[in-house]
Each structure stands twice: as structure tokens, then as C-alpha cells.
């Protein structure tokens, strides 16, 4: 993966299919972890039952970066979620960039991956992750300046009718 690449967890398809995740009404958050794509400790789209807390097979919250400075435990709420369909293409998006502002003191310096999870699901099922490193292993730091996650023009993800 390359910096900024988003990957959906394989388990996500089952989570929406069996109703654990409701894309219309649930609250979604994005948080930082020290797990890395292609390294150790690792994060992968094939992680079994990834959740943000107890109840799943892979509890990603145990790898969350330390809270402090401009970062709050549990991450930021995606407060501008849209889920809609046009011409057979359904789009899940957050229409406003998410920005963590550097406090220049106490900020986490071990950020490797951003995780999107459903804060309303019983076990806080995870949706996707974004590689925040430039090389898959080197952490970035909020101490170095603000961090922005801007979702692309086509949204966080799309589902197309074949």
C-alpha cells in the first residue's frame, strides 16, 4: 500500500450484510493506531473480525496511539456522513476533511494507520484503514504539524450495480 491508500476490511461486507453496521444511521469515527501495513505489528484487510474494542477477534483499539496534545482517545467523529445512490452507484462519504491540529506538546508521534470504525455497532466493527506512512513502516508525528484526512471526490467507497 502507499500513503493515503484506503482498504476495506474483508469482514466489512458481512458486517453490513447481517446488519451489524447501518451506513444510514450509525456514527463512524476515525482513529490512529501503531499497526503498519506490511510490517510488524501488522494490519491487513484479512484481519478476522476487526473491532474497536472487545467482542471481536482483532481488537484494534489496543494498538491506538497515546492520547494527548491534539489527539483524543477514540479519534474523531465523521460528522458529515452521506450514503446515497445515483445511477446505480452508491457512495459512502464524509463531506468534510478531518483535521487533527498539532498542540506542539503531548501529540502522538507513532501514527502508522488510520482506522474507520462504527461507534454504534455492538462491538464497534471496523470498516476500513488508511496507510498513513510513506513506506509502510515509518511512523508520522502530529508533533511535526497538523494531519488532515481528506476523502477523494468519489467518497470513502462506492458500491456499483453490475
N, C-alpha and C. Protein backbone atom coordinates (compact mmCIF):
# COMPACT_ATOMS: atom_id res chain seq x y z
N UNK A 1 0.84 -1.18 0.00
CA UNK A 1 0.00 0.00 0.00
C UNK A 1 0.88 1.24 0.00
N UNK A 2 0.33 2.31 -0.45
CA UNK A 2 1.02 3.59 -0.45
C UNK A 2 0.32 4.55 0.49
N UNK A 3 1.04 5.57 0.89
CA UNK A 3 0.46 6.54 1.81
C UNK A 3 -0.88 7.03 1.27
N UNK A 4 -1.88 7.03 2.13
CA UNK A 4 -3.20 7.51 1.76
C UNK A 4 -4.11 6.47 1.15
N UNK A 5 -3.60 5.27 0.89
CA UNK A 5 -4.43 4.23 0.29
C UNK A 5 -5.40 3.67 1.33
N UNK A 6 -6.67 3.60 0.96
CA UNK A 6 -7.71 3.05 1.84
C UNK A 6 -8.01 1.62 1.44
N UNK A 7 -8.15 0.75 2.43
CA UNK A 7 -8.52 -0.64 2.19
C UNK A 7 -9.71 -0.99 3.09
N UNK A 8 -10.73 -1.59 2.52
CA UNK A 8 -11.86 -2.08 3.31
C UNK A 8 -11.49 -3.43 3.91
N UNK A 9 -11.86 -3.64 5.17
CA UNK A 9 -11.67 -4.95 5.78
C UNK A 9 -12.60 -5.95 5.09
N UNK A 10 -12.12 -7.18 4.85
CA UNK A 10 -12.95 -8.22 4.24
C UNK A 10 -14.22 -8.45 5.06
N UNK A 11 -14.11 -8.40 6.37
CA UNK A 11 -15.23 -8.62 7.29
C UNK A 11 -16.33 -7.58 7.12
N UNK A 12 -15.99 -6.40 6.58
CA UNK A 12 -16.95 -5.31 6.44
C UNK A 12 -18.16 -5.72 5.61
N UNK A 13 -17.96 -6.47 4.54
CA UNK A 13 -19.08 -6.91 3.70
C UNK A 13 -20.09 -7.71 4.51
N UNK A 14 -19.60 -8.58 5.37
CA UNK A 14 -20.50 -9.37 6.22
C UNK A 14 -21.19 -8.47 7.25
N UNK A 15 -20.45 -7.50 7.78
CA UNK A 15 -21.00 -6.60 8.79
C UNK A 15 -22.19 -5.80 8.28
N UNK A 16 -22.13 -5.35 7.03
CA UNK A 16 -23.29 -4.61 6.50
C UNK A 16 -24.39 -5.58 6.08
N UNK A 17 -24.00 -6.76 5.62
CA UNK A 17 -24.98 -7.75 5.18
C UNK A 17 -25.82 -8.30 6.31
N UNK A 18 -25.23 -8.48 7.49
CA UNK A 18 -26.00 -9.04 8.60
C UNK A 18 -26.55 -7.97 9.54
N UNK A 19 -26.36 -6.69 9.19
CA UNK A 19 -26.98 -5.60 9.94
C UNK A 19 -26.19 -5.08 11.12
N UNK A 20 -24.98 -5.57 11.35
CA UNK A 20 -24.17 -5.02 12.45
C UNK A 20 -23.83 -3.57 12.20
N UNK A 21 -23.65 -3.21 10.93
CA UNK A 21 -23.34 -1.83 10.55
C UNK A 21 -24.49 -1.30 9.70
N UNK A 22 -24.97 -0.09 10.06
CA UNK A 22 -26.01 0.59 9.29
C UNK A 22 -25.40 1.87 8.74
N UNK A 23 -25.17 1.90 7.44
CA UNK A 23 -24.49 3.04 6.83
C UNK A 23 -25.34 4.30 6.84
N UNK A 24 -26.65 4.16 6.99
CA UNK A 24 -27.56 5.32 7.03
C UNK A 24 -27.57 6.03 8.37
N UNK A 25 -27.52 5.29 9.45
CA UNK A 25 -27.80 5.90 10.76
C UNK A 25 -26.68 5.81 11.79
N UNK A 26 -25.72 4.94 11.63
CA UNK A 26 -24.69 4.76 12.65
C UNK A 26 -23.69 5.92 12.65
N UNK A 27 -22.98 6.05 13.76
CA UNK A 27 -21.93 7.06 13.92
C UNK A 27 -20.58 6.40 13.64
N UNK A 28 -19.79 7.02 12.79
CA UNK A 28 -18.49 6.48 12.41
C UNK A 28 -17.39 7.39 12.91
N UNK A 29 -16.26 6.77 13.29
CA UNK A 29 -15.12 7.52 13.80
C UNK A 29 -13.86 7.08 13.05
N UNK A 30 -12.84 7.91 13.15
CA UNK A 30 -11.53 7.58 12.58
C UNK A 30 -10.49 7.84 13.66
N UNK A 31 -9.62 6.85 13.87
CA UNK A 31 -8.63 6.91 14.94
C UNK A 31 -7.28 6.40 14.42
N UNK A 32 -6.23 6.74 15.13
CA UNK A 32 -4.87 6.35 14.74
C UNK A 32 -4.36 5.17 15.56
N UNK A 33 -3.65 4.26 14.88
CA UNK A 33 -3.03 3.12 15.54
C UNK A 33 -1.56 3.02 15.13
N UNK A 34 -0.83 2.20 15.89
CA UNK A 34 0.60 2.00 15.62
C UNK A 34 0.84 0.79 14.72
N UNK A 35 -0.22 0.11 14.32
CA UNK A 35 -0.09 -1.04 13.42
C UNK A 35 0.33 -0.54 12.04
N UNK A 36 1.05 -1.39 11.31
CA UNK A 36 1.53 -0.97 10.00
C UNK A 36 1.15 -1.97 8.92
N UNK A 37 1.02 -1.43 7.73
CA UNK A 37 0.70 -2.24 6.57
C UNK A 37 2.00 -2.89 6.08
N UNK A 38 2.04 -4.20 6.06
CA UNK A 38 3.21 -4.88 5.54
C UNK A 38 4.38 -4.95 6.50
N UNK A 39 4.19 -4.72 7.76
CA UNK A 39 5.27 -4.80 8.73
C UNK A 39 4.79 -5.49 10.00
N UNK A 40 5.55 -5.34 11.07
CA UNK A 40 5.18 -5.95 12.35
C UNK A 40 5.20 -4.87 13.42
N UNK A 41 4.17 -4.73 14.24
CA UNK A 41 2.90 -5.44 14.16
C UNK A 41 2.09 -4.94 12.97
N UNK A 42 1.32 -5.83 12.40
CA UNK A 42 0.69 -5.55 11.12
C UNK A 42 -0.81 -5.33 11.22
N UNK A 43 -1.35 -4.70 10.19
CA UNK A 43 -2.78 -4.58 9.97
C UNK A 43 -3.02 -5.02 8.53
N UNK A 44 -4.10 -5.77 8.30
CA UNK A 44 -4.39 -6.27 6.96
C UNK A 44 -5.89 -6.35 6.75
N UNK A 45 -6.30 -6.24 5.50
CA UNK A 45 -7.73 -6.31 5.19
C UNK A 45 -8.33 -7.66 5.56
N UNK A 46 -7.49 -8.66 5.71
CA UNK A 46 -7.96 -10.01 6.05
C UNK A 46 -8.02 -10.26 7.56
N UNK A 47 -7.72 -9.24 8.38
CA UNK A 47 -7.79 -9.42 9.83
C UNK A 47 -9.17 -9.97 10.21
N UNK A 48 -9.22 -11.03 11.02
CA UNK A 48 -10.51 -11.63 11.36
C UNK A 48 -11.30 -10.77 12.36
N UNK A 49 -12.54 -10.48 12.02
CA UNK A 49 -13.49 -9.73 12.84
C UNK A 49 -12.82 -8.53 13.54
N UNK A 50 -12.34 -7.54 12.76
CA UNK A 50 -11.70 -6.39 13.37
C UNK A 50 -12.72 -5.47 14.04
N UNK A 51 -12.47 -5.13 15.30
CA UNK A 51 -13.36 -4.25 16.05
C UNK A 51 -12.53 -3.20 16.78
N UNK A 52 -13.22 -2.18 17.27
CA UNK A 52 -12.58 -1.14 18.07
C UNK A 52 -12.99 -1.38 19.52
N UNK A 53 -12.57 -2.49 20.06
CA UNK A 53 -12.92 -2.85 21.43
C UNK A 53 -13.12 -4.34 21.55
N UNK A 54 -13.46 -4.77 22.73
CA UNK A 54 -13.66 -6.19 22.99
C UNK A 54 -14.86 -6.69 22.20
N UNK A 55 -14.88 -7.96 21.95
CA UNK A 55 -16.01 -8.57 21.25
C UNK A 55 -15.65 -9.12 19.89
N UNK A 56 -14.62 -8.60 19.28
CA UNK A 56 -14.18 -9.13 18.00
C UNK A 56 -12.96 -10.01 18.19
N UNK A 57 -12.48 -10.57 17.10
CA UNK A 57 -11.28 -11.39 17.16
C UNK A 57 -10.04 -10.51 17.19
N UNK A 58 -10.08 -9.38 16.48
CA UNK A 58 -8.94 -8.48 16.40
C UNK A 58 -9.35 -7.12 16.97
N UNK A 59 -8.95 -6.82 18.21
CA UNK A 59 -9.29 -5.56 18.87
C UNK A 59 -8.23 -4.52 18.51
N UNK A 60 -8.55 -3.66 17.55
CA UNK A 60 -7.58 -2.68 17.07
C UNK A 60 -7.35 -1.54 18.06
N UNK A 61 -8.29 -1.32 18.98
CA UNK A 61 -8.12 -0.24 19.96
C UNK A 61 -6.92 -0.48 20.87
N UNK A 62 -6.50 -1.72 21.00
CA UNK A 62 -5.33 -2.00 21.85
C UNK A 62 -4.04 -1.45 21.24
N UNK A 63 -4.09 -1.07 19.98
CA UNK A 63 -2.91 -0.51 19.30
C UNK A 63 -3.06 0.99 19.03
N UNK A 64 -4.04 1.62 19.67
CA UNK A 64 -4.25 3.06 19.46
C UNK A 64 -3.04 3.84 19.96
N UNK A 65 -2.72 4.93 19.25
CA UNK A 65 -1.64 5.81 19.69
C UNK A 65 -2.05 6.46 21.01
N UNK A 66 -1.08 6.98 21.74
CA UNK A 66 -1.37 7.63 23.02
C UNK A 66 -2.12 8.93 22.80
N UNK A 67 -3.16 9.13 23.61
CA UNK A 67 -3.91 10.38 23.54
C UNK A 67 -3.06 11.49 24.13
N UNK A 68 -3.29 12.70 23.66
CA UNK A 68 -2.57 13.85 24.19
C UNK A 68 -2.39 14.90 23.13
N UNK A 69 -2.14 16.10 23.56
CA UNK A 69 -1.96 17.19 22.61
C UNK A 69 -3.21 17.37 21.77
N UNK A 70 -3.06 17.24 20.46
CA UNK A 70 -4.18 17.42 19.54
C UNK A 70 -4.93 16.15 19.20
N UNK A 71 -4.66 15.06 19.92
CA UNK A 71 -5.32 13.79 19.63
C UNK A 71 -6.10 13.30 20.85
N UNK A 72 -7.37 12.98 20.63
CA UNK A 72 -8.25 12.47 21.68
C UNK A 72 -8.44 10.98 21.51
N UNK A 73 -8.40 10.24 22.61
CA UNK A 73 -8.61 8.79 22.57
C UNK A 73 -9.92 8.47 21.84
N UNK A 74 -9.87 7.47 20.97
CA UNK A 74 -11.04 7.07 20.20
C UNK A 74 -11.16 7.79 18.87
N UNK A 75 -10.35 8.82 18.66
CA UNK A 75 -10.32 9.51 17.38
C UNK A 75 -11.41 10.56 17.22
N UNK A 76 -11.66 10.92 15.97
CA UNK A 76 -12.61 11.97 15.62
C UNK A 76 -13.86 11.36 14.97
N UNK A 77 -14.99 11.99 15.22
CA UNK A 77 -16.25 11.56 14.60
C UNK A 77 -16.32 12.06 13.17
N UNK A 78 -16.75 11.19 12.27
CA UNK A 78 -17.03 11.58 10.90
C UNK A 78 -18.44 12.17 10.93
N UNK A 79 -18.54 13.48 11.15
CA UNK A 79 -19.82 14.13 11.45
C UNK A 79 -20.62 14.52 10.21
N UNK A 80 -20.06 14.30 9.04
CA UNK A 80 -20.75 14.72 7.81
C UNK A 80 -20.88 13.55 6.83
N UNK A 81 -21.36 12.42 7.35
CA UNK A 81 -21.51 11.21 6.54
C UNK A 81 -22.70 11.33 5.60
N UNK A 82 -22.49 10.88 4.37
CA UNK A 82 -23.59 10.74 3.42
C UNK A 82 -23.54 9.33 2.85
N UNK A 83 -24.71 8.77 2.59
CA UNK A 83 -24.84 7.44 1.99
C UNK A 83 -26.01 7.55 1.03
N UNK A 84 -25.73 7.51 -0.26
CA UNK A 84 -26.78 7.67 -1.25
C UNK A 84 -26.40 7.01 -2.55
N UNK A 85 -27.36 6.99 -3.46
CA UNK A 85 -27.19 6.28 -4.73
C UNK A 85 -27.62 7.16 -5.89
N UNK A 86 -26.82 7.14 -6.94
CA UNK A 86 -27.15 7.83 -8.18
C UNK A 86 -26.74 6.94 -9.34
N UNK A 87 -27.67 6.67 -10.24
CA UNK A 87 -27.41 5.90 -11.46
C UNK A 87 -26.72 4.56 -11.17
N UNK A 88 -27.15 3.87 -10.12
CA UNK A 88 -26.63 2.55 -9.82
C UNK A 88 -25.31 2.52 -9.06
N UNK A 89 -24.83 3.70 -8.63
CA UNK A 89 -23.60 3.76 -7.84
C UNK A 89 -23.93 4.36 -6.48
N UNK A 90 -23.78 3.55 -5.43
CA UNK A 90 -24.00 4.03 -4.06
C UNK A 90 -22.66 4.52 -3.52
N UNK A 91 -22.69 5.68 -2.84
CA UNK A 91 -21.47 6.29 -2.33
C UNK A 91 -21.59 6.55 -0.83
N UNK A 92 -20.56 6.11 -0.09
CA UNK A 92 -20.43 6.39 1.33
C UNK A 92 -19.32 7.41 1.45
N UNK A 93 -19.62 8.56 2.06
CA UNK A 93 -18.64 9.64 2.08
C UNK A 93 -18.75 10.44 3.38
N UNK A 94 -17.70 11.14 3.69
CA UNK A 94 -17.71 12.17 4.73
C UNK A 94 -17.32 13.44 3.99
N UNK A 95 -18.23 14.40 3.95
CA UNK A 95 -18.07 15.55 3.06
C UNK A 95 -17.14 16.65 3.58
N UNK A 96 -16.59 16.47 4.77
CA UNK A 96 -15.68 17.46 5.35
C UNK A 96 -14.38 16.76 5.75
N UNK A 97 -13.25 17.41 5.45
CA UNK A 97 -11.95 16.84 5.84
C UNK A 97 -11.88 16.71 7.36
N UNK A 98 -11.14 15.70 7.83
CA UNK A 98 -10.89 15.52 9.25
C UNK A 98 -9.50 16.06 9.52
N UNK A 99 -9.38 16.97 10.49
CA UNK A 99 -8.10 17.61 10.78
C UNK A 99 -7.77 17.45 12.26
N UNK A 100 -6.56 16.96 12.52
CA UNK A 100 -6.01 16.92 13.87
C UNK A 100 -5.00 18.07 13.93
N UNK A 101 -5.19 18.97 14.87
CA UNK A 101 -4.32 20.14 15.00
C UNK A 101 -3.21 19.86 16.00
N UNK A 102 -2.00 20.08 15.57
CA UNK A 102 -0.84 19.87 16.44
C UNK A 102 -0.90 20.82 17.62
N UNK A 103 -0.69 20.26 18.80
CA UNK A 103 -0.63 21.08 20.01
C UNK A 103 0.81 21.41 20.36
N UNK A 104 1.74 20.89 19.55
CA UNK A 104 3.18 21.11 19.73
C UNK A 104 3.72 20.53 21.03
N UNK A 105 2.87 19.85 21.77
CA UNK A 105 3.32 19.21 23.01
C UNK A 105 2.33 18.09 23.34
N UNK A 106 2.84 16.92 23.63
CA UNK A 106 1.98 15.81 24.02
C UNK A 106 1.32 15.08 22.86
N UNK A 107 1.58 15.51 21.63
CA UNK A 107 0.98 14.86 20.46
C UNK A 107 1.58 13.48 20.23
N UNK A 108 0.80 12.55 19.67
CA UNK A 108 1.37 11.24 19.35
C UNK A 108 2.38 11.33 18.20
N UNK A 109 3.43 10.55 18.31
CA UNK A 109 4.48 10.55 17.30
C UNK A 109 4.67 9.17 16.67
N UNK A 110 3.70 8.27 16.89
CA UNK A 110 3.84 6.88 16.43
C UNK A 110 2.69 6.47 15.51
N UNK A 111 2.15 7.39 14.73
CA UNK A 111 0.99 7.14 13.87
C UNK A 111 1.43 6.40 12.62
N UNK A 112 0.79 5.25 12.38
CA UNK A 112 1.09 4.49 11.17
C UNK A 112 -0.15 4.25 10.32
N UNK A 113 -1.30 4.11 10.96
CA UNK A 113 -2.52 3.77 10.22
C UNK A 113 -3.71 4.48 10.85
N UNK A 114 -4.65 4.90 10.01
CA UNK A 114 -5.93 5.44 10.48
C UNK A 114 -6.98 4.35 10.28
N UNK A 115 -7.83 4.15 11.28
CA UNK A 115 -8.87 3.12 11.21
C UNK A 115 -10.24 3.78 11.29
N UNK A 116 -11.12 3.42 10.37
CA UNK A 116 -12.51 3.88 10.40
C UNK A 116 -13.34 2.78 11.03
N UNK A 117 -14.12 3.13 12.05
CA UNK A 117 -14.95 2.13 12.72
C UNK A 117 -16.33 2.67 13.04
N UNK A 118 -17.27 1.76 13.25
CA UNK A 118 -18.66 2.09 13.56
C UNK A 118 -18.79 2.19 15.08
N UNK A 119 -18.97 3.40 15.57
CA UNK A 119 -19.03 3.63 17.01
C UNK A 119 -20.35 3.15 17.62
N UNK A 120 -21.36 2.90 16.78
CA UNK A 120 -22.66 2.45 17.28
C UNK A 120 -22.83 0.94 17.26
N UNK A 121 -22.06 0.24 16.46
CA UNK A 121 -22.18 -1.22 16.38
C UNK A 121 -21.84 -1.83 17.74
N UNK A 122 -22.46 -2.94 18.05
CA UNK A 122 -22.29 -3.59 19.35
C UNK A 122 -20.81 -3.75 19.72
N UNK A 123 -20.01 -4.24 18.79
CA UNK A 123 -18.58 -4.44 19.06
C UNK A 123 -17.70 -3.40 18.38
N UNK A 124 -18.32 -2.31 17.92
CA UNK A 124 -17.60 -1.25 17.22
C UNK A 124 -16.82 -1.82 16.03
N UNK A 125 -17.57 -2.48 15.14
CA UNK A 125 -16.98 -3.11 13.97
C UNK A 125 -16.19 -2.11 13.14
N UNK A 126 -15.04 -2.55 12.63
CA UNK A 126 -14.18 -1.70 11.80
C UNK A 126 -14.59 -1.81 10.34
N UNK A 127 -14.44 -0.71 9.64
CA UNK A 127 -14.84 -0.60 8.24
C UNK A 127 -13.62 -0.69 7.32
N UNK A 128 -12.63 0.17 7.58
CA UNK A 128 -11.50 0.32 6.67
C UNK A 128 -10.29 0.89 7.40
N UNK A 129 -9.16 0.90 6.70
CA UNK A 129 -7.97 1.54 7.25
C UNK A 129 -7.22 2.26 6.14
N UNK A 130 -6.43 3.25 6.56
CA UNK A 130 -5.65 4.07 5.63
C UNK A 130 -4.20 4.05 6.08
N UNK A 131 -3.30 3.70 5.17
CA UNK A 131 -1.87 3.73 5.46
C UNK A 131 -1.43 5.19 5.56
N UNK A 132 -0.92 5.59 6.71
CA UNK A 132 -0.50 6.97 6.93
C UNK A 132 1.01 7.15 6.74
N UNK A 133 1.73 6.05 6.53
CA UNK A 133 3.19 6.12 6.37
C UNK A 133 3.56 6.36 4.91
N UNK A 134 4.78 6.76 4.68
CA UNK A 134 5.23 6.93 3.30
C UNK A 134 5.81 5.64 2.74
N UNK A 135 6.17 4.70 3.63
CA UNK A 135 6.84 3.48 3.19
C UNK A 135 6.29 2.20 3.82
N UNK A 136 5.17 2.29 4.51
CA UNK A 136 4.58 1.12 5.15
C UNK A 136 5.08 0.84 6.55
N UNK A 137 6.16 1.51 6.97
CA UNK A 137 6.70 1.23 8.30
C UNK A 137 7.07 2.46 9.13
N UNK A 138 7.40 3.59 8.50
CA UNK A 138 7.88 4.75 9.24
C UNK A 138 6.71 5.60 9.74
N UNK A 139 6.61 5.72 11.06
CA UNK A 139 5.51 6.47 11.68
C UNK A 139 5.57 7.95 11.32
N UNK A 140 4.40 8.58 11.33
CA UNK A 140 4.33 10.03 11.20
C UNK A 140 3.98 10.59 12.58
N UNK A 141 4.19 11.89 12.75
CA UNK A 141 4.01 12.52 14.05
C UNK A 141 3.13 13.75 13.95
N UNK A 142 2.18 13.85 14.87
CA UNK A 142 1.37 15.06 14.96
C UNK A 142 2.22 16.23 15.47
N UNK A 143 3.34 15.92 16.12
CA UNK A 143 4.26 16.97 16.57
C UNK A 143 4.85 17.75 15.39
N UNK A 144 4.93 17.10 14.23
CA UNK A 144 5.52 17.73 13.05
C UNK A 144 4.56 18.70 12.36
N UNK A 145 3.31 18.71 12.77
CA UNK A 145 2.31 19.60 12.17
C UNK A 145 0.96 18.93 12.07
N UNK A 146 -0.02 19.69 11.66
CA UNK A 146 -1.39 19.19 11.56
C UNK A 146 -1.46 18.00 10.60
N UNK A 147 -2.42 17.10 10.86
CA UNK A 147 -2.65 15.96 9.98
C UNK A 147 -4.08 16.05 9.47
N UNK A 148 -4.24 15.95 8.16
CA UNK A 148 -5.56 16.02 7.54
C UNK A 148 -5.85 14.74 6.78
N UNK A 149 -7.05 14.20 6.96
CA UNK A 149 -7.53 13.10 6.13
C UNK A 149 -8.64 13.68 5.28
N UNK A 150 -8.39 13.72 3.98
CA UNK A 150 -9.36 14.24 3.01
C UNK A 150 -9.79 13.09 2.11
N UNK A 151 -11.05 12.77 2.13
CA UNK A 151 -11.54 11.68 1.30
C UNK A 151 -11.72 12.18 -0.13
N UNK A 152 -11.44 11.31 -1.09
CA UNK A 152 -11.45 11.68 -2.50
C UNK A 152 -12.81 12.09 -3.03
N UNK A 153 -12.81 12.59 -4.25
CA UNK A 153 -14.03 13.06 -4.90
C UNK A 153 -15.07 11.96 -5.05
N UNK A 154 -14.63 10.69 -5.10
CA UNK A 154 -15.57 9.60 -5.27
C UNK A 154 -16.02 9.03 -3.92
N UNK A 155 -15.67 9.69 -2.82
CA UNK A 155 -16.13 9.26 -1.49
C UNK A 155 -15.17 8.31 -0.82
N UNK A 156 -15.58 7.81 0.35
CA UNK A 156 -14.77 6.85 1.09
C UNK A 156 -14.76 5.53 0.33
N UNK A 157 -15.95 5.09 -0.13
CA UNK A 157 -16.04 3.93 -1.00
C UNK A 157 -17.35 3.99 -1.77
N UNK A 158 -17.39 3.23 -2.85
CA UNK A 158 -18.60 3.14 -3.67
C UNK A 158 -18.97 1.67 -3.87
N UNK A 159 -20.26 1.46 -4.11
CA UNK A 159 -20.77 0.14 -4.47
C UNK A 159 -21.49 0.32 -5.79
N UNK A 160 -21.07 -0.44 -6.80
CA UNK A 160 -21.63 -0.29 -8.14
C UNK A 160 -22.50 -1.47 -8.51
N UNK A 161 -23.65 -1.20 -9.07
CA UNK A 161 -24.55 -2.23 -9.55
C UNK A 161 -23.96 -2.79 -10.85
N UNK A 162 -23.66 -4.09 -10.87
CA UNK A 162 -23.02 -4.67 -12.07
C UNK A 162 -23.90 -4.63 -13.31
